[in-house]
Amino acid sequence: MSLEKAKANLDKKGFLDHVIELADSTATVAEAAEALGVEPGMIAKTMSFLQGDAPVLILTEGTAKIDNHKYKETFHVKAKMIPFDEVEEKIGHAPGGVCPFGINDGIAVYLDESLKQFTTVYPAAGNDHSAVKLTIPELEKVAGAKGWVDVCKEPEE
C-alpha cells in the first residue's frame, strides 16, 4: 500500500519514472546500497522524529548520525525518534520504507546538509524493496521540504 501511495505522489509530480523496484531488500542503508550498487552515503535515509505531538521527517545521507546538540539548536526541542511501532501510523509508511512521498498530511520534511556532498541520492519509495533515484535539485523539488537543516554529526575521518 505504501509503495502505491509513494508512486502516486511521485507520478503527480512527474517523477514516477525515477522509482526503482528491487527484488532485494532496501530496508536498511547497507541493504539498499548493496541492492542499488552505490555507496551507503548515497542512500537518503529518512528519519522520523516527534516534536511535541507533531511528526517530522529529516532526510540525511545514509551513514549520518544525528547530532543532538545541533538538533536542539535548530528545532529548540530534544531529538526524539518516533517509536518503531508508531512510525507507520504517524507517517504513513512502515520502517524500512519511510520517505517523504505520499505521507500523511501535515508532516514537516527537512533535508540535511549532509546530502549535498552527493549529486544523486536514493530515498526509499514507501516500502523495503524500493528506491527513488533523484538529483539533489530533484529531491528539493519533490520532497516538499520546508528547507535545509544541519543536524548531523561531522563525519569521522
N, C-alpha and C. Protein backbone atom coordinates (compact mmCIF):
# COMPACT_ATOMS: atom_id res chain seq x y z
N MET A 1 0.82 -1.20 0.00
CA MET A 1 0.00 0.00 0.00
C MET A 1 0.87 1.26 0.00
N SER A 2 1.90 1.29 0.84
CA SER A 2 2.76 2.47 0.94
C SER A 2 3.48 2.75 -0.37
N LEU A 3 3.94 1.68 -1.06
CA LEU A 3 4.62 1.86 -2.34
C LEU A 3 3.67 2.57 -3.32
N GLU A 4 2.42 2.15 -3.34
CA GLU A 4 1.43 2.76 -4.25
C GLU A 4 1.21 4.23 -3.91
N LYS A 5 1.13 4.55 -2.60
CA LYS A 5 0.96 5.95 -2.18
C LYS A 5 2.15 6.79 -2.62
N ALA A 6 3.35 6.27 -2.42
CA ALA A 6 4.56 6.99 -2.81
C ALA A 6 4.61 7.16 -4.33
N LYS A 7 4.28 6.08 -5.07
CA LYS A 7 4.32 6.15 -6.53
C LYS A 7 3.27 7.13 -7.06
N ALA A 8 2.09 7.14 -6.47
CA ALA A 8 1.04 8.08 -6.90
C ALA A 8 1.50 9.52 -6.68
N ASN A 9 2.13 9.77 -5.53
CA ASN A 9 2.65 11.10 -5.21
C ASN A 9 3.73 11.51 -6.21
N LEU A 10 4.65 10.61 -6.50
CA LEU A 10 5.73 10.90 -7.44
C LEU A 10 5.20 11.05 -8.87
N ASP A 11 4.19 10.27 -9.22
CA ASP A 11 3.57 10.36 -10.54
C ASP A 11 2.96 11.75 -10.75
N LYS A 12 2.27 12.23 -9.71
CA LYS A 12 1.63 13.55 -9.75
C LYS A 12 2.68 14.65 -9.98
N LYS A 13 3.89 14.43 -9.47
CA LYS A 13 4.96 15.42 -9.60
C LYS A 13 5.84 15.18 -10.82
N GLY A 14 5.50 14.13 -11.61
CA GLY A 14 6.26 13.85 -12.83
C GLY A 14 7.54 13.06 -12.62
N PHE A 15 7.62 12.31 -11.51
CA PHE A 15 8.86 11.58 -11.20
C PHE A 15 8.64 10.07 -11.05
N LEU A 16 7.54 9.55 -11.55
CA LEU A 16 7.27 8.12 -11.42
C LEU A 16 8.37 7.29 -12.08
N ASP A 17 8.93 7.79 -13.18
CA ASP A 17 9.97 7.03 -13.88
C ASP A 17 11.30 6.97 -13.11
N HIS A 18 11.38 7.65 -11.98
CA HIS A 18 12.59 7.61 -11.14
C HIS A 18 12.52 6.49 -10.08
N VAL A 19 11.35 5.85 -9.95
CA VAL A 19 11.17 4.80 -8.94
C VAL A 19 11.86 3.52 -9.41
N ILE A 20 12.59 2.91 -8.49
CA ILE A 20 13.27 1.64 -8.76
C ILE A 20 12.68 0.60 -7.80
N GLU A 21 12.12 -0.47 -8.36
CA GLU A 21 11.62 -1.56 -7.52
C GLU A 21 12.61 -2.71 -7.63
N LEU A 22 12.96 -3.28 -6.47
CA LEU A 22 14.01 -4.29 -6.42
C LEU A 22 13.53 -5.58 -5.79
N ALA A 23 14.17 -6.68 -6.18
CA ALA A 23 13.88 -7.97 -5.55
C ALA A 23 14.54 -8.02 -4.18
N ASP A 24 15.72 -7.40 -4.07
CA ASP A 24 16.46 -7.40 -2.81
C ASP A 24 15.92 -6.36 -1.84
N SER A 25 16.09 -6.61 -0.57
CA SER A 25 15.62 -5.68 0.46
C SER A 25 16.40 -4.38 0.43
N THR A 26 15.69 -3.29 0.67
CA THR A 26 16.30 -1.96 0.81
C THR A 26 15.94 -1.39 2.18
N ALA A 27 15.61 -2.29 3.13
CA ALA A 27 15.13 -1.86 4.44
C ALA A 27 16.18 -1.10 5.25
N THR A 28 17.43 -1.46 5.09
CA THR A 28 18.49 -0.75 5.81
C THR A 28 19.37 -0.03 4.79
N VAL A 29 20.14 0.92 5.26
CA VAL A 29 21.05 1.64 4.37
C VAL A 29 22.01 0.67 3.68
N ALA A 30 22.58 -0.26 4.45
CA ALA A 30 23.54 -1.22 3.87
C ALA A 30 22.88 -2.08 2.80
N GLU A 31 21.67 -2.57 3.08
CA GLU A 31 20.96 -3.40 2.09
C GLU A 31 20.61 -2.60 0.84
N ALA A 32 20.15 -1.37 1.04
CA ALA A 32 19.78 -0.52 -0.10
C ALA A 32 21.00 -0.22 -0.96
N ALA A 33 22.12 0.13 -0.32
CA ALA A 33 23.34 0.45 -1.06
C ALA A 33 23.81 -0.75 -1.88
N GLU A 34 23.74 -1.94 -1.25
CA GLU A 34 24.16 -3.16 -1.96
C GLU A 34 23.21 -3.46 -3.13
N ALA A 35 21.91 -3.36 -2.88
CA ALA A 35 20.91 -3.66 -3.92
C ALA A 35 21.04 -2.70 -5.11
N LEU A 36 21.40 -1.45 -4.82
CA LEU A 36 21.48 -0.43 -5.87
C LEU A 36 22.89 -0.28 -6.46
N GLY A 37 23.87 -0.90 -5.78
CA GLY A 37 25.25 -0.80 -6.25
C GLY A 37 25.85 0.58 -6.08
N VAL A 38 25.49 1.25 -4.98
CA VAL A 38 26.02 2.60 -4.70
C VAL A 38 26.62 2.62 -3.30
N GLU A 39 27.36 3.68 -2.99
CA GLU A 39 27.93 3.77 -1.64
C GLU A 39 26.84 4.11 -0.63
N PRO A 40 26.97 3.63 0.61
CA PRO A 40 25.94 3.83 1.64
C PRO A 40 25.52 5.29 1.84
N GLY A 41 26.44 6.22 1.73
CA GLY A 41 26.10 7.62 1.92
C GLY A 41 25.09 8.15 0.92
N MET A 42 25.00 7.52 -0.26
CA MET A 42 24.08 7.97 -1.30
C MET A 42 22.63 7.56 -1.02
N ILE A 43 22.44 6.71 -0.03
CA ILE A 43 21.08 6.36 0.37
C ILE A 43 20.55 7.51 1.23
N ALA A 44 19.48 8.13 0.80
CA ALA A 44 18.90 9.25 1.57
C ALA A 44 18.02 8.63 2.65
N LYS A 45 18.59 8.55 3.84
CA LYS A 45 17.90 7.94 4.99
C LYS A 45 16.86 8.93 5.50
N THR A 46 15.62 8.46 5.66
CA THR A 46 14.56 9.33 6.16
C THR A 46 14.29 8.97 7.62
N MET A 47 14.61 9.91 8.51
CA MET A 47 14.47 9.67 9.94
C MET A 47 13.19 10.34 10.46
N SER A 48 12.49 9.63 11.34
CA SER A 48 11.19 10.10 11.85
C SER A 48 11.30 10.57 13.29
N PHE A 49 10.94 11.82 13.52
CA PHE A 49 11.01 12.40 14.86
C PHE A 49 9.65 12.93 15.29
N LEU A 50 9.51 13.09 16.60
CA LEU A 50 8.34 13.77 17.16
C LEU A 50 8.82 15.07 17.77
N GLN A 51 8.14 16.15 17.43
CA GLN A 51 8.39 17.44 18.08
C GLN A 51 7.07 17.79 18.74
N GLY A 52 6.99 17.52 20.05
CA GLY A 52 5.70 17.58 20.73
C GLY A 52 4.87 16.43 20.20
N ASP A 53 3.69 16.73 19.65
CA ASP A 53 2.86 15.69 19.02
C ASP A 53 3.03 15.64 17.51
N ALA A 54 3.86 16.54 16.98
CA ALA A 54 3.98 16.66 15.52
C ALA A 54 5.11 15.79 14.96
N PRO A 55 4.76 14.90 14.02
CA PRO A 55 5.81 14.11 13.37
C PRO A 55 6.61 14.98 12.40
N VAL A 56 7.91 14.72 12.32
CA VAL A 56 8.81 15.46 11.45
C VAL A 56 9.73 14.44 10.78
N LEU A 57 9.99 14.63 9.48
CA LEU A 57 10.94 13.78 8.76
C LEU A 57 12.17 14.58 8.40
N ILE A 58 13.33 13.96 8.57
CA ILE A 58 14.59 14.58 8.17
C ILE A 58 15.34 13.58 7.30
N LEU A 59 15.66 13.99 6.07
CA LEU A 59 16.44 13.14 5.18
C LEU A 59 17.91 13.48 5.35
N THR A 60 18.72 12.44 5.61
CA THR A 60 20.15 12.61 5.79
C THR A 60 20.89 11.66 4.85
N GLU A 61 22.19 11.89 4.69
CA GLU A 61 22.95 10.89 3.92
C GLU A 61 23.00 9.61 4.74
N GLY A 62 23.13 8.49 4.05
CA GLY A 62 22.93 7.18 4.66
C GLY A 62 23.73 6.83 5.89
N THR A 63 24.95 7.35 6.01
CA THR A 63 25.78 6.96 7.15
C THR A 63 25.76 8.01 8.27
N ALA A 64 25.00 9.08 8.07
CA ALA A 64 24.99 10.19 9.04
C ALA A 64 24.30 9.80 10.34
N LYS A 65 24.76 10.44 11.40
CA LYS A 65 24.14 10.28 12.73
C LYS A 65 23.66 11.66 13.17
N ILE A 66 22.54 11.68 13.86
CA ILE A 66 22.01 12.96 14.35
C ILE A 66 22.91 13.49 15.48
N ASP A 67 23.21 14.76 15.42
CA ASP A 67 23.95 15.45 16.48
C ASP A 67 22.89 16.10 17.37
N ASN A 68 22.70 15.56 18.57
CA ASN A 68 21.63 16.04 19.46
C ASN A 68 21.73 17.54 19.76
N HIS A 69 22.96 18.02 19.90
CA HIS A 69 23.16 19.45 20.20
C HIS A 69 22.69 20.31 19.02
N LYS A 70 23.10 19.94 17.79
CA LYS A 70 22.69 20.69 16.60
C LYS A 70 21.18 20.61 16.40
N TYR A 71 20.62 19.44 16.67
CA TYR A 71 19.17 19.25 16.51
C TYR A 71 18.42 20.21 17.44
N LYS A 72 18.86 20.24 18.70
CA LYS A 72 18.20 21.10 19.69
C LYS A 72 18.38 22.58 19.34
N GLU A 73 19.56 22.95 18.85
CA GLU A 73 19.80 24.33 18.43
C GLU A 73 18.87 24.72 17.27
N THR A 74 18.65 23.79 16.36
CA THR A 74 17.84 24.06 15.16
C THR A 74 16.35 24.09 15.47
N PHE A 75 15.87 23.09 16.21
CA PHE A 75 14.43 22.94 16.43
C PHE A 75 13.94 23.36 17.82
N HIS A 76 14.88 23.66 18.72
CA HIS A 76 14.55 24.11 20.09
C HIS A 76 13.80 23.05 20.90
N VAL A 77 13.96 21.79 20.51
CA VAL A 77 13.45 20.65 21.28
C VAL A 77 14.48 19.55 21.16
N LYS A 78 14.42 18.61 22.12
CA LYS A 78 15.32 17.45 22.10
C LYS A 78 14.91 16.51 20.96
N ALA A 79 15.90 15.89 20.35
CA ALA A 79 15.62 14.92 19.29
C ALA A 79 14.95 13.69 19.90
N LYS A 80 13.75 13.38 19.43
CA LYS A 80 13.02 12.22 19.94
C LYS A 80 12.49 11.43 18.75
N MET A 81 13.06 10.25 18.56
CA MET A 81 12.63 9.40 17.45
C MET A 81 11.21 8.89 17.73
N ILE A 82 10.44 8.70 16.65
CA ILE A 82 9.11 8.09 16.79
C ILE A 82 9.33 6.61 17.10
N PRO A 83 8.68 6.07 18.13
CA PRO A 83 8.84 4.64 18.43
C PRO A 83 8.52 3.79 17.19
N PHE A 84 9.32 2.74 16.97
CA PHE A 84 9.24 1.87 15.80
C PHE A 84 7.80 1.46 15.48
N ASP A 85 7.06 1.04 16.49
CA ASP A 85 5.71 0.53 16.25
C ASP A 85 4.67 1.62 16.01
N GLU A 86 5.07 2.89 16.06
CA GLU A 86 4.15 4.01 15.80
C GLU A 86 4.46 4.72 14.48
N VAL A 87 5.57 4.37 13.85
CA VAL A 87 6.00 5.08 12.65
C VAL A 87 4.96 5.01 11.53
N GLU A 88 4.47 3.82 11.22
CA GLU A 88 3.54 3.68 10.09
C GLU A 88 2.27 4.49 10.32
N GLU A 89 1.73 4.44 11.52
CA GLU A 89 0.51 5.18 11.84
C GLU A 89 0.73 6.70 11.72
N LYS A 90 1.86 7.18 12.24
CA LYS A 90 2.11 8.63 12.27
C LYS A 90 2.58 9.19 10.93
N ILE A 91 3.36 8.40 10.17
CA ILE A 91 3.96 8.88 8.93
C ILE A 91 3.18 8.43 7.69
N GLY A 92 2.71 7.19 7.72
CA GLY A 92 2.04 6.66 6.54
C GLY A 92 2.85 5.60 5.82
N HIS A 93 4.08 5.38 6.28
CA HIS A 93 4.95 4.33 5.74
C HIS A 93 5.58 3.59 6.91
N ALA A 94 5.79 2.28 6.73
CA ALA A 94 6.41 1.48 7.78
C ALA A 94 7.93 1.66 7.75
N PRO A 95 8.60 1.42 8.90
CA PRO A 95 10.07 1.48 8.93
C PRO A 95 10.64 0.60 7.81
N GLY A 96 11.69 1.09 7.17
CA GLY A 96 12.28 0.37 6.03
C GLY A 96 11.82 0.96 4.72
N GLY A 97 10.69 1.69 4.75
CA GLY A 97 10.17 2.31 3.54
C GLY A 97 9.82 3.77 3.73
N VAL A 98 10.18 4.33 4.88
CA VAL A 98 9.82 5.72 5.17
C VAL A 98 10.51 6.65 4.18
N CYS A 99 9.72 7.54 3.60
CA CYS A 99 10.20 8.51 2.62
C CYS A 99 9.26 9.70 2.66
N PRO A 100 9.62 10.81 2.01
CA PRO A 100 8.74 11.99 2.06
C PRO A 100 7.63 11.98 1.01
N PHE A 101 7.45 10.88 0.31
CA PHE A 101 6.47 10.81 -0.79
C PHE A 101 5.22 10.06 -0.36
N GLY A 102 4.05 10.68 -0.50
CA GLY A 102 2.80 10.00 -0.17
C GLY A 102 2.62 9.80 1.32
N ILE A 103 3.09 10.76 2.12
CA ILE A 103 2.97 10.65 3.58
C ILE A 103 1.67 11.29 4.06
N ASN A 104 1.38 11.09 5.34
CA ASN A 104 0.20 11.69 5.95
C ASN A 104 0.30 13.21 5.87
N ASP A 105 -0.83 13.88 5.85
CA ASP A 105 -0.86 15.34 5.77
C ASP A 105 -0.25 15.99 7.00
N GLY A 106 0.33 17.15 6.80
CA GLY A 106 0.79 17.97 7.92
C GLY A 106 2.14 17.60 8.49
N ILE A 107 2.89 16.73 7.82
CA ILE A 107 4.21 16.34 8.33
C ILE A 107 5.27 17.25 7.72
N ALA A 108 6.07 17.88 8.59
CA ALA A 108 7.16 18.74 8.11
C ALA A 108 8.31 17.85 7.66
N VAL A 109 8.88 18.20 6.50
CA VAL A 109 10.02 17.46 5.95
C VAL A 109 11.19 18.42 5.81
N TYR A 110 12.38 17.97 6.23
CA TYR A 110 13.60 18.76 6.10
C TYR A 110 14.67 17.92 5.43
N LEU A 111 15.58 18.58 4.73
CA LEU A 111 16.72 17.93 4.10
C LEU A 111 17.97 18.36 4.86
N ASP A 112 18.80 17.38 5.23
CA ASP A 112 20.01 17.71 5.96
C ASP A 112 21.15 18.02 4.99
N GLU A 113 21.98 18.99 5.39
CA GLU A 113 23.13 19.43 4.59
C GLU A 113 24.04 18.27 4.17
N SER A 114 24.03 17.18 4.95
CA SER A 114 24.91 16.04 4.66
C SER A 114 24.65 15.46 3.27
N LEU A 115 23.44 15.65 2.74
CA LEU A 115 23.11 15.12 1.42
C LEU A 115 23.82 15.86 0.29
N LYS A 116 24.19 17.11 0.54
CA LYS A 116 24.72 17.96 -0.53
C LYS A 116 26.07 17.52 -1.08
N GLN A 117 26.74 16.57 -0.40
CA GLN A 117 28.03 16.09 -0.91
C GLN A 117 27.83 15.17 -2.12
N PHE A 118 26.59 14.75 -2.37
CA PHE A 118 26.31 13.84 -3.48
C PHE A 118 25.52 14.55 -4.58
N THR A 119 25.70 14.11 -5.81
CA THR A 119 24.94 14.64 -6.94
C THR A 119 23.59 13.94 -7.01
N THR A 120 23.61 12.63 -6.77
CA THR A 120 22.41 11.79 -6.85
C THR A 120 22.25 11.03 -5.54
N VAL A 121 21.02 10.95 -5.05
CA VAL A 121 20.73 10.20 -3.83
C VAL A 121 19.52 9.30 -4.07
N TYR A 122 19.32 8.36 -3.15
CA TYR A 122 18.29 7.34 -3.30
C TYR A 122 17.44 7.20 -2.04
N PRO A 123 16.40 8.00 -1.88
CA PRO A 123 15.48 7.75 -0.76
C PRO A 123 14.61 6.52 -1.08
N ALA A 124 13.97 6.00 -0.06
CA ALA A 124 13.04 4.88 -0.26
C ALA A 124 11.81 5.38 -1.02
N ALA A 125 10.97 4.44 -1.46
CA ALA A 125 9.74 4.80 -2.16
C ALA A 125 8.54 4.13 -1.51
N GLY A 126 8.53 4.09 -0.18
CA GLY A 126 7.34 3.62 0.52
C GLY A 126 7.37 2.21 1.04
N ASN A 127 8.31 1.38 0.54
CA ASN A 127 8.41 0.04 1.12
C ASN A 127 9.88 -0.39 1.16
N ASP A 128 10.12 -1.61 1.63
CA ASP A 128 11.50 -2.06 1.85
C ASP A 128 12.10 -2.80 0.64
N HIS A 129 11.55 -2.54 -0.54
CA HIS A 129 12.10 -3.10 -1.78
C HIS A 129 12.07 -2.04 -2.89
N SER A 130 12.28 -0.78 -2.49
CA SER A 130 12.16 0.30 -3.47
C SER A 130 13.11 1.44 -3.16
N ALA A 131 13.33 2.27 -4.18
CA ALA A 131 14.12 3.49 -4.03
C ALA A 131 13.69 4.45 -5.12
N VAL A 132 14.09 5.70 -4.97
CA VAL A 132 13.84 6.72 -5.98
C VAL A 132 15.18 7.37 -6.29
N LYS A 133 15.59 7.34 -7.55
CA LYS A 133 16.87 7.95 -7.95
C LYS A 133 16.61 9.42 -8.27
N LEU A 134 17.21 10.31 -7.46
CA LEU A 134 16.98 11.74 -7.63
C LEU A 134 18.28 12.53 -7.50
N THR A 135 18.41 13.58 -8.32
CA THR A 135 19.50 14.53 -8.09
C THR A 135 19.07 15.39 -6.91
N ILE A 136 20.00 16.13 -6.33
CA ILE A 136 19.66 16.99 -5.19
C ILE A 136 18.59 18.03 -5.59
N PRO A 137 18.71 18.72 -6.74
CA PRO A 137 17.63 19.65 -7.13
C PRO A 137 16.27 18.95 -7.30
N GLU A 138 16.29 17.72 -7.83
CA GLU A 138 15.03 16.97 -7.97
C GLU A 138 14.46 16.63 -6.60
N LEU A 139 15.34 16.22 -5.68
CA LEU A 139 14.89 15.91 -4.32
C LEU A 139 14.26 17.14 -3.68
N GLU A 140 14.90 18.29 -3.85
CA GLU A 140 14.34 19.54 -3.30
C GLU A 140 12.94 19.78 -3.86
N LYS A 141 12.78 19.49 -5.13
CA LYS A 141 11.50 19.75 -5.82
C LYS A 141 10.40 18.80 -5.35
N VAL A 142 10.71 17.51 -5.21
CA VAL A 142 9.65 16.53 -4.95
C VAL A 142 9.43 16.17 -3.48
N ALA A 143 10.40 16.49 -2.62
CA ALA A 143 10.28 16.08 -1.21
C ALA A 143 9.29 16.96 -0.44
N GLY A 144 8.95 18.11 -0.98
CA GLY A 144 8.05 19.01 -0.26
C GLY A 144 8.69 19.53 1.01
N ALA A 145 10.02 19.67 1.00
CA ALA A 145 10.74 20.05 2.21
C ALA A 145 10.56 21.52 2.54
N LYS A 146 10.53 21.80 3.84
CA LYS A 146 10.47 23.18 4.33
C LYS A 146 11.81 23.88 4.14
N GLY A 147 12.87 23.09 3.99
CA GLY A 147 14.19 23.68 3.79
C GLY A 147 15.30 22.76 4.24
N TRP A 148 16.51 23.32 4.23
CA TRP A 148 17.71 22.60 4.62
C TRP A 148 18.04 22.87 6.07
N VAL A 149 18.52 21.84 6.76
CA VAL A 149 18.97 21.97 8.14
C VAL A 149 20.35 21.31 8.25
N ASP A 150 21.05 21.59 9.33
CA ASP A 150 22.34 20.97 9.59
C ASP A 150 22.26 20.34 10.99
N VAL A 151 21.80 19.09 11.04
CA VAL A 151 21.60 18.43 12.33
C VAL A 151 22.38 17.14 12.49
N CYS A 152 23.34 16.89 11.60
CA CYS A 152 24.12 15.64 11.69
C CYS A 152 25.51 15.93 12.22
N LYS A 153 26.09 14.88 12.82
CA LYS A 153 27.47 14.95 13.30
C LYS A 153 28.39 15.04 12.10
N GLU A 154 29.52 15.68 12.31
CA GLU A 154 30.54 15.73 11.25
C GLU A 154 31.06 14.31 11.04
N PRO A 155 31.29 13.91 9.77
CA PRO A 155 31.80 12.54 9.55
C PRO A 155 33.18 12.37 10.21
N GLU A 156 33.41 11.18 10.73
CA GLU A 156 34.69 10.90 11.37
C GLU A 156 35.70 10.54 10.30
N GLU A 157 36.83 11.16 10.37
CA GLU A 157 37.87 10.91 9.35
C GLU A 157 38.56 9.60 9.64
